[in-house]
Amino acid sequence: MRVVRGKNKRMVVLQNKISKQSVAALPKVNFEGRIFVVNTEAEARKAISYLNTHSIVGVDTETRPSFKKGTTHKVALLQISTHDTCFLFRLNRLGLPDFLEEFLQNDVLKVGLSLKDDFAMLRKRNTKDPRSGNWVELQDYVPRFGIEEKSLQKIYALLFGKKISKSQRLSNWEAEVLTEAQQLYAATDAWACVEIYNYLDDLRSTGGYEIVKVVETENN
């Protein structure tokens, strides 16, 4: 991303693509807000009450990886984040309570990436379909701005010039206690969805952007 300032105008120049090598060279970004690990229904009710006071949240899920053929696990963690506060719902302990499911289906705008995968995993926790709620799929939203990337890491890198670490992706999300690194990783992914949407929505409302087509010569 590059910002060009004219006499009375601010123009943001966006690239349509970015290579893995370019992303790797960027400084890391981490969520710097509050993180709450939600283990009980009482904690979950308080979290949902807070989240319902916001108009937009970012959503993501994590599932314990399986390294044995034929073995699968149910979704273990549901991350829901505002601009400065993220709740990590431990679904392997909570299940998917009705009030949490109702939040997923209500009018609060929920932003995510590759949501079909999250929806599929959530349906294994409950038969109801969360898609009836108010959702934005970033993979469908960013092409409106000429962005051709599909991964959260690359989209964030294009817009903000920083990289999201993926080092904890294959860690044990059903561990007795989530490590600080796991919590930070999970919160950052959900928070990044909010940041991306809000940034692009602001550009959309002002029209102050243009797309530059990039020809990448290295391996993407």
C-alpha atoms as a PDB file:
ATOM      1  CA  MET A   1       0.000   0.000   0.000  1.00  0.00           C
ATOM      2  CA  ARG A   2       1.197   3.518  -0.838  1.00  0.00           C
ATOM      3  CA  VAL A   3      -0.436   6.817   0.105  1.00  0.00           C
ATOM      4  CA  VAL A   4      -0.300   9.707  -2.360  1.00  0.00           C
ATOM      5  CA  ARG A   5      -1.302  13.138  -1.095  1.00  0.00           C
ATOM      6  CA  GLY A   6      -2.445  15.861  -3.447  1.00  0.00           C
ATOM      7  CA  LYS A   7      -3.499  19.416  -2.684  1.00  0.00           C
ATOM      8  CA  ASN A   8      -6.836  18.460  -1.165  1.00  0.00           C
ATOM      9  CA  LYS A   9      -6.942  14.732  -1.707  1.00  0.00           C
ATOM     10  CA  ARG A  10      -5.531  11.569  -0.195  1.00  0.00           C
ATOM     11  CA  MET A  11      -5.159   8.682  -2.619  1.00  0.00           C
ATOM     12  CA  VAL A  12      -4.266   5.154  -1.511  1.00  0.00           C
ATOM     13  CA  VAL A  13      -2.506   3.026  -4.114  1.00  0.00           C
ATOM     14  CA  LEU A  14      -3.192  -0.690  -3.621  1.00  0.00           C
ATOM     15  CA  GLN A  15      -1.356  -3.584  -5.224  1.00  0.00           C
ATOM     16  CA  ASN A  16      -3.491  -6.412  -6.536  1.00  0.00           C
ATOM     17  CA  LYS A  17      -1.032  -9.153  -5.472  1.00  0.00           C
ATOM     18  CA  ILE A  18       1.944  -9.852  -3.238  1.00  0.00           C
ATOM     19  CA  SER A  19       4.434 -12.718  -3.231  1.00  0.00           C
ATOM     20  CA  LYS A  20       5.289 -15.037  -0.338  1.00  0.00           C
ATOM     21  CA  GLN A  21       8.811 -13.646  -0.384  1.00  0.00           C
ATOM     22  CA  SER A  22       7.549 -10.086  -0.031  1.00  0.00           C
ATOM     23  CA  VAL A  23       5.293 -11.061   2.870  1.00  0.00           C
ATOM     24  CA  ALA A  24       8.140 -12.888   4.621  1.00  0.00           C
ATOM     25  CA  ALA A  25      10.250  -9.725   4.592  1.00  0.00           C
ATOM     26  CA  LEU A  26       7.613  -7.651   6.403  1.00  0.00           C
ATOM     27  CA  PRO A  27       7.574  -6.940  10.163  1.00  0.00           C
ATOM     28  CA  LYS A  28       5.151  -9.010  12.243  1.00  0.00           C
ATOM     29  CA  VAL A  29       1.885  -7.691  13.606  1.00  0.00           C
ATOM     30  CA  ASN A  30       0.072  -8.907  16.725  1.00  0.00           C
ATOM     31  CA  PHE A  31      -3.244  -8.017  18.289  1.00  0.00           C
ATOM     32  CA  GLU A  32      -2.548  -5.509  21.061  1.00  0.00           C
ATOM     33  CA  GLY A  33      -5.959  -5.416  22.718  1.00  0.00           C
ATOM     34  CA  ARG A  34      -7.555  -7.408  25.513  1.00  0.00           C
ATOM     35  CA  ILE A  35      -7.902 -11.182  25.211  1.00  0.00           C
ATOM     36  CA  PHE A  36     -10.371 -13.201  27.289  1.00  0.00           C
ATOM     37  CA  VAL A  37     -10.379 -16.996  27.276  1.00  0.00           C
ATOM     38  CA  VAL A  38     -13.972 -18.185  27.752  1.00  0.00           C
ATOM     39  CA  ASN A  39     -14.287 -21.539  29.504  1.00  0.00           C
ATOM     40  CA  THR A  40     -17.757 -21.481  31.104  1.00  0.00           C
ATOM     41  CA  GLU A  41     -21.313 -20.622  30.057  1.00  0.00           C
ATOM     42  CA  ALA A  42     -21.384 -17.790  32.594  1.00  0.00           C
ATOM     43  CA  GLU A  43     -18.283 -16.257  31.015  1.00  0.00           C
ATOM     44  CA  ALA A  44     -19.740 -16.836  27.557  1.00  0.00           C
ATOM     45  CA  ARG A  45     -22.977 -15.008  28.429  1.00  0.00           C
ATOM     46  CA  LYS A  46     -21.009 -11.983  29.635  1.00  0.00           C
ATOM     47  CA  ALA A  47     -18.918 -12.032  26.472  1.00  0.00           C
ATOM     48  CA  ILE A  48     -21.955 -12.186  24.192  1.00  0.00           C
ATOM     49  CA  SER A  49     -23.625  -9.376  26.117  1.00  0.00           C
ATOM     50  CA  TYR A  50     -20.556  -7.235  25.448  1.00  0.00           C
ATOM     51  CA  LEU A  51     -20.274  -8.240  21.788  1.00  0.00           C
ATOM     52  CA  ASN A  52     -23.927  -7.370  21.184  1.00  0.00           C
ATOM     53  CA  THR A  53     -23.088  -3.723  21.913  1.00  0.00           C
ATOM     54  CA  HIS A  54     -20.876  -3.622  18.808  1.00  0.00           C
ATOM     55  CA  SER A  55     -21.952  -3.271  15.185  1.00  0.00           C
ATOM     56  CA  ILE A  56     -19.114  -5.315  13.662  1.00  0.00           C
ATOM     57  CA  VAL A  57     -16.867  -8.165  14.803  1.00  0.00           C
ATOM     58  CA  GLY A  58     -14.276 -10.460  13.275  1.00  0.00           C
ATOM     59  CA  VAL A  59     -14.759 -14.224  13.495  1.00  0.00           C
ATOM     60  CA  ASP A  60     -12.455 -17.204  13.090  1.00  0.00           C
ATOM     61  CA  THR A  61     -12.166 -20.784  14.362  1.00  0.00           C
ATOM     62  CA  GLU A  62      -9.381 -23.194  15.268  1.00  0.00           C
ATOM     63  CA  THR A  63      -9.430 -26.989  15.236  1.00  0.00           C
ATOM     64  CA  ARG A  64      -6.928 -29.393  16.724  1.00  0.00           C
ATOM     65  CA  PRO A  65      -4.843 -30.752  13.838  1.00  0.00           C
ATOM     66  CA  SER A  66      -4.822 -34.454  13.111  1.00  0.00           C
ATOM     67  CA  PHE A  67      -1.608 -36.137  12.086  1.00  0.00           C
ATOM     68  CA  LYS A  68      -3.144 -39.597  11.778  1.00  0.00           C
ATOM     69  CA  LYS A  69      -5.046 -40.693   8.685  1.00  0.00           C
ATOM     70  CA  GLY A  70      -8.763 -41.140   9.353  1.00  0.00           C
ATOM     71  CA  THR A  71      -8.715 -39.149  12.607  1.00  0.00           C
ATOM     72  CA  THR A  72     -10.582 -35.840  12.777  1.00  0.00           C
ATOM     73  CA  HIS A  73     -11.495 -33.421  15.552  1.00  0.00           C
ATOM     74  CA  LYS A  74     -14.377 -31.043  16.134  1.00  0.00           C
ATOM     75  CA  VAL A  75     -13.782 -27.297  16.168  1.00  0.00           C
ATOM     76  CA  ALA A  76     -12.137 -26.397  19.477  1.00  0.00           C
ATOM     77  CA  LEU A  77     -12.036 -22.596  19.487  1.00  0.00           C
ATOM     78  CA  LEU A  78     -14.262 -19.782  18.251  1.00  0.00           C
ATOM     79  CA  GLN A  79     -12.627 -16.358  18.181  1.00  0.00           C
ATOM     80  CA  ILE A  80     -14.804 -13.246  18.083  1.00  0.00           C
ATOM     81  CA  SER A  81     -13.061  -9.875  18.134  1.00  0.00           C
ATOM     82  CA  THR A  82     -13.897  -6.197  18.126  1.00  0.00           C
ATOM     83  CA  HIS A  83     -11.316  -3.534  17.312  1.00  0.00           C
ATOM     84  CA  ASP A  84      -9.743  -3.854  20.762  1.00  0.00           C
ATOM     85  CA  THR A  85     -11.203  -6.883  22.582  1.00  0.00           C
ATOM     86  CA  CYS A  86     -11.158 -10.554  21.601  1.00  0.00           C
ATOM     87  CA  PHE A  87     -12.988 -13.470  23.201  1.00  0.00           C
ATOM     88  CA  LEU A  88     -11.723 -17.014  22.721  1.00  0.00           C
ATOM     89  CA  PHE A  89     -14.641 -19.407  23.229  1.00  0.00           C
ATOM     90  CA  ARG A  90     -13.346 -22.897  24.062  1.00  0.00           C
ATOM     91  CA  LEU A  91     -15.993 -24.926  22.262  1.00  0.00           C
ATOM     92  CA  ASN A  92     -14.331 -28.208  23.223  1.00  0.00           C
ATOM     93  CA  ARG A  93     -15.527 -27.373  26.757  1.00  0.00           C
ATOM     94  CA  LEU A  94     -18.612 -25.254  26.101  1.00  0.00           C
ATOM     95  CA  GLY A  95     -20.078 -26.930  23.074  1.00  0.00           C
ATOM     96  CA  LEU A  96     -22.197 -24.419  21.153  1.00  0.00           C
ATOM     97  CA  PRO A  97     -24.809 -23.040  23.593  1.00  0.00           C
ATOM     98  CA  ASP A  98     -28.067 -21.663  22.195  1.00  0.00           C
ATOM     99  CA  PHE A  99     -27.254 -18.064  23.150  1.00  0.00           C
ATOM    100  CA  LEU A 100     -23.912 -18.249  21.335  1.00  0.00           C
ATOM    101  CA  GLU A 101     -25.568 -19.747  18.288  1.00  0.00           C
ATOM    102  CA  GLU A 102     -28.186 -16.974  18.391  1.00  0.00           C
ATOM    103  CA  PHE A 103     -25.409 -14.385  18.337  1.00  0.00           C
ATOM    104  CA  LEU A 104     -23.940 -15.968  15.208  1.00  0.00           C
ATOM    105  CA  GLN A 105     -27.356 -15.636  13.554  1.00  0.00           C
ATOM    106  CA  ASN A 106     -28.241 -12.101  14.677  1.00  0.00           C
ATOM    107  CA  ASP A 107     -27.771  -8.733  12.929  1.00  0.00           C
ATOM    108  CA  VAL A 108     -24.299  -7.865  14.253  1.00  0.00           C
ATOM    109  CA  LEU A 109     -22.042  -7.766  11.175  1.00  0.00           C
ATOM    110  CA  LYS A 110     -19.556 -10.631  11.324  1.00  0.00           C
ATOM    111  CA  VAL A 111     -16.490 -10.623   9.086  1.00  0.00           C
ATOM    112  CA  GLY A 112     -14.379 -13.671   8.324  1.00  0.00           C
ATOM    113  CA  LEU A 113     -12.290 -15.373   5.678  1.00  0.00           C
ATOM    114  CA  SER A 114     -12.941 -18.796   4.152  1.00  0.00           C
ATOM    115  CA  LEU A 115     -16.161 -18.853   6.135  1.00  0.00           C
ATOM    116  CA  LYS A 116     -17.479 -21.958   4.418  1.00  0.00           C
ATOM    117  CA  ASP A 117     -14.842 -23.940   6.304  1.00  0.00           C
ATOM    118  CA  ASP A 118     -15.760 -22.307   9.621  1.00  0.00           C
ATOM    119  CA  PHE A 119     -19.462 -22.917   8.979  1.00  0.00           C
ATOM    120  CA  ALA A 120     -18.842 -26.568   8.172  1.00  0.00           C
ATOM    121  CA  MET A 121     -16.914 -27.076  11.404  1.00  0.00           C
ATOM    122  CA  LEU A 122     -19.501 -25.219  13.496  1.00  0.00           C
ATOM    123  CA  ARG A 123     -22.322 -27.330  12.041  1.00  0.00           C
ATOM    124  CA  LYS A 124     -20.566 -30.410  13.403  1.00  0.00           C
ATOM    125  CA  ARG A 125     -21.037 -28.887  16.866  1.00  0.00           C
ATOM    126  CA  ASN A 126     -24.713 -28.172  16.188  1.00  0.00           C
ATOM    127  CA  THR A 127     -27.154 -28.954  13.385  1.00  0.00           C
ATOM    128  CA  LYS A 128     -28.206 -25.307  12.873  1.00  0.00           C
ATOM    129  CA  ASP A 129     -26.645 -23.273  10.076  1.00  0.00           C
ATOM    130  CA  PRO A 130     -24.911 -20.017  11.140  1.00  0.00           C
ATOM    131  CA  ARG A 131     -25.050 -18.664   7.578  1.00  0.00           C
ATOM    132  CA  SER A 132     -28.485 -17.156   8.289  1.00  0.00           C
ATOM    133  CA  GLY A 133     -26.754 -14.326  10.179  1.00  0.00           C
ATOM    134  CA  ASN A 134     -25.209 -11.093   8.898  1.00  0.00           C
ATOM    135  CA  TRP A 135     -21.866 -12.175   7.422  1.00  0.00           C
ATOM    136  CA  VAL A 136     -19.182 -10.745   5.117  1.00  0.00           C
ATOM    137  CA  GLU A 137     -16.775 -13.135   3.408  1.00  0.00           C
ATOM    138  CA  LEU A 138     -13.518 -11.258   2.806  1.00  0.00           C
ATOM    139  CA  GLN A 139     -12.619 -13.505  -0.122  1.00  0.00           C
ATOM    140  CA  ASP A 140     -15.731 -12.141  -1.851  1.00  0.00           C
ATOM    141  CA  TYR A 141     -15.325  -8.569  -0.573  1.00  0.00           C
ATOM    142  CA  VAL A 142     -11.705  -7.717  -1.433  1.00  0.00           C
ATOM    143  CA  PRO A 143     -12.030  -8.342  -5.210  1.00  0.00           C
ATOM    144  CA  ARG A 144     -14.236  -5.217  -5.353  1.00  0.00           C
ATOM    145  CA  PHE A 145     -11.032  -3.295  -4.684  1.00  0.00           C
ATOM    146  CA  GLY A 146      -9.007  -5.154  -7.294  1.00  0.00           C
ATOM    147  CA  ILE A 147      -7.237  -7.352  -4.745  1.00  0.00           C
ATOM    148  CA  GLU A 148      -6.621 -10.832  -6.120  1.00  0.00           C
ATOM    149  CA  GLU A 149      -5.224 -12.536  -3.011  1.00  0.00           C
ATOM    150  CA  LYS A 150      -7.306 -14.997  -0.982  1.00  0.00           C
ATOM    151  CA  SER A 151      -5.299 -15.584   2.207  1.00  0.00           C
ATOM    152  CA  LEU A 152      -5.705 -13.437   5.315  1.00  0.00           C
ATOM    153  CA  GLN A 153      -1.945 -13.073   5.634  1.00  0.00           C
ATOM    154  CA  LYS A 154      -1.494 -11.735   2.101  1.00  0.00           C
ATOM    155  CA  ILE A 155      -4.526  -9.436   2.185  1.00  0.00           C
ATOM    156  CA  TYR A 156      -3.374  -7.908   5.471  1.00  0.00           C
ATOM    157  CA  ALA A 157       0.160  -7.521   4.112  1.00  0.00           C
ATOM    158  CA  LEU A 158      -1.101  -5.693   1.018  1.00  0.00           C
ATOM    159  CA  LEU A 159      -3.138  -3.216   3.053  1.00  0.00           C
ATOM    160  CA  PHE A 160      -0.984  -2.624   6.116  1.00  0.00           C
ATOM    161  CA  GLY A 161       2.557  -3.647   5.181  1.00  0.00           C
ATOM    162  CA  LYS A 162       2.863  -6.162   8.025  1.00  0.00           C
ATOM    163  CA  LYS A 163       2.629  -9.934   8.275  1.00  0.00           C
ATOM    164  CA  ILE A 164       0.472 -12.161  10.450  1.00  0.00           C
ATOM    165  CA  SER A 165       2.432 -15.060  11.917  1.00  0.00           C
ATOM    166  CA  LYS A 166       1.032 -18.541  11.245  1.00  0.00           C
ATOM    167  CA  SER A 167       3.419 -20.352  13.609  1.00  0.00           C
ATOM    168  CA  GLN A 168       0.696 -21.622  15.986  1.00  0.00           C
ATOM    169  CA  ARG A 169      -1.729 -22.890  13.337  1.00  0.00           C
ATOM    170  CA  LEU A 170      -0.916 -26.572  13.899  1.00  0.00           C
ATOM    171  CA  SER A 171      -0.708 -26.411  17.688  1.00  0.00           C
ATOM    172  CA  ASN A 172      -3.042 -28.315  20.045  1.00  0.00           C
ATOM    173  CA  TRP A 173      -6.198 -26.211  20.388  1.00  0.00           C
ATOM    174  CA  GLU A 174      -7.654 -28.688  22.886  1.00  0.00           C
ATOM    175  CA  ALA A 175      -4.761 -28.300  25.341  1.00  0.00           C
ATOM    176  CA  GLU A 176      -5.677 -27.929  29.011  1.00  0.00           C
ATOM    177  CA  VAL A 177      -4.398 -24.361  28.947  1.00  0.00           C
ATOM    178  CA  LEU A 178      -3.869 -22.278  25.815  1.00  0.00           C
ATOM    179  CA  THR A 179      -0.409 -20.728  25.734  1.00  0.00           C
ATOM    180  CA  GLU A 180       0.063 -16.995  25.404  1.00  0.00           C
ATOM    181  CA  ALA A 181       1.352 -17.578  21.871  1.00  0.00           C
ATOM    182  CA  GLN A 182      -1.800 -19.530  20.968  1.00  0.00           C
ATOM    183  CA  GLN A 183      -4.053 -16.849  22.417  1.00  0.00           C
ATOM    184  CA  LEU A 184      -2.239 -14.106  20.539  1.00  0.00           C
ATOM    185  CA  TYR A 185      -2.311 -16.036  17.273  1.00  0.00           C
ATOM    186  CA  ALA A 186      -6.031 -16.794  17.558  1.00  0.00           C
ATOM    187  CA  ALA A 187      -6.965 -13.247  18.539  1.00  0.00           C
ATOM    188  CA  THR A 188      -4.868 -11.696  15.770  1.00  0.00           C
ATOM    189  CA  ASP A 189      -6.642 -13.651  13.043  1.00  0.00           C
ATOM    190  CA  ALA A 190     -10.132 -12.575  14.157  1.00  0.00           C
ATOM    191  CA  TRP A 191      -9.058  -8.977  14.809  1.00  0.00           C
ATOM    192  CA  ALA A 192      -7.368  -8.715  11.404  1.00  0.00           C
ATOM    193  CA  CYS A 193     -10.701  -9.463   9.714  1.00  0.00           C
ATOM    194  CA  VAL A 194     -12.252  -6.409  11.398  1.00  0.00           C
ATOM    195  CA  GLU A 195      -9.284  -4.213  10.503  1.00  0.00           C
ATOM    196  CA  ILE A 196      -9.341  -5.251   6.848  1.00  0.00           C
ATOM    197  CA  TYR A 197     -13.076  -4.704   6.470  1.00  0.00           C
ATOM    198  CA  ASN A 198     -13.096  -1.324   8.235  1.00  0.00           C
ATOM    199  CA  TYR A 199     -10.144  -0.073   6.195  1.00  0.00           C
ATOM    200  CA  LEU A 200     -11.637  -1.100   2.868  1.00  0.00           C
ATOM    201  CA  ASP A 201     -15.090   0.164   3.826  1.00  0.00           C
ATOM    202  CA  ASP A 202     -13.546   3.560   4.532  1.00  0.00           C
ATOM    203  CA  LEU A 203     -11.833   3.536   1.128  1.00  0.00           C
ATOM    204  CA  ARG A 204     -15.103   2.539  -0.519  1.00  0.00           C
ATOM    205  CA  SER A 205     -16.983   5.425   1.090  1.00  0.00           C
ATOM    206  CA  THR A 206     -14.392   8.002   0.019  1.00  0.00           C
ATOM    207  CA  GLY A 207     -13.388   6.486  -3.320  1.00  0.00           C
ATOM    208  CA  GLY A 208      -9.819   7.489  -2.530  1.00  0.00           C
ATOM    209  CA  TYR A 209      -7.935   4.534  -3.939  1.00  0.00           C
ATOM    210  CA  GLU A 210      -6.568   3.055  -7.124  1.00  0.00           C
ATOM    211  CA  ILE A 211      -5.217  -0.401  -7.970  1.00  0.00           C
ATOM    212  CA  VAL A 212      -1.781  -1.061  -9.406  1.00  0.00           C
ATOM    213  CA  LYS A 213      -1.336  -4.370 -11.211  1.00  0.00           C
ATOM    214  CA  VAL A 214       1.835  -6.101 -10.067  1.00  0.00           C
ATOM    215  CA  VAL A 215       3.735  -8.641 -12.126  1.00  0.00           C
ATOM    216  CA  GLU A 216       5.450 -11.006  -9.699  1.00  0.00           C
ATOM    217  CA  THR A 217       8.481 -12.734 -11.136  1.00  0.00           C
ATOM    218  CA  GLU A 218       9.322 -14.849  -8.082  1.00  0.00           C
ATOM    219  CA  ASN A 219       7.461 -17.915  -6.846  1.00  0.00           C
ATOM    220  CA  ASN A 220       4.135 -16.917  -5.304  1.00  0.00           C
END
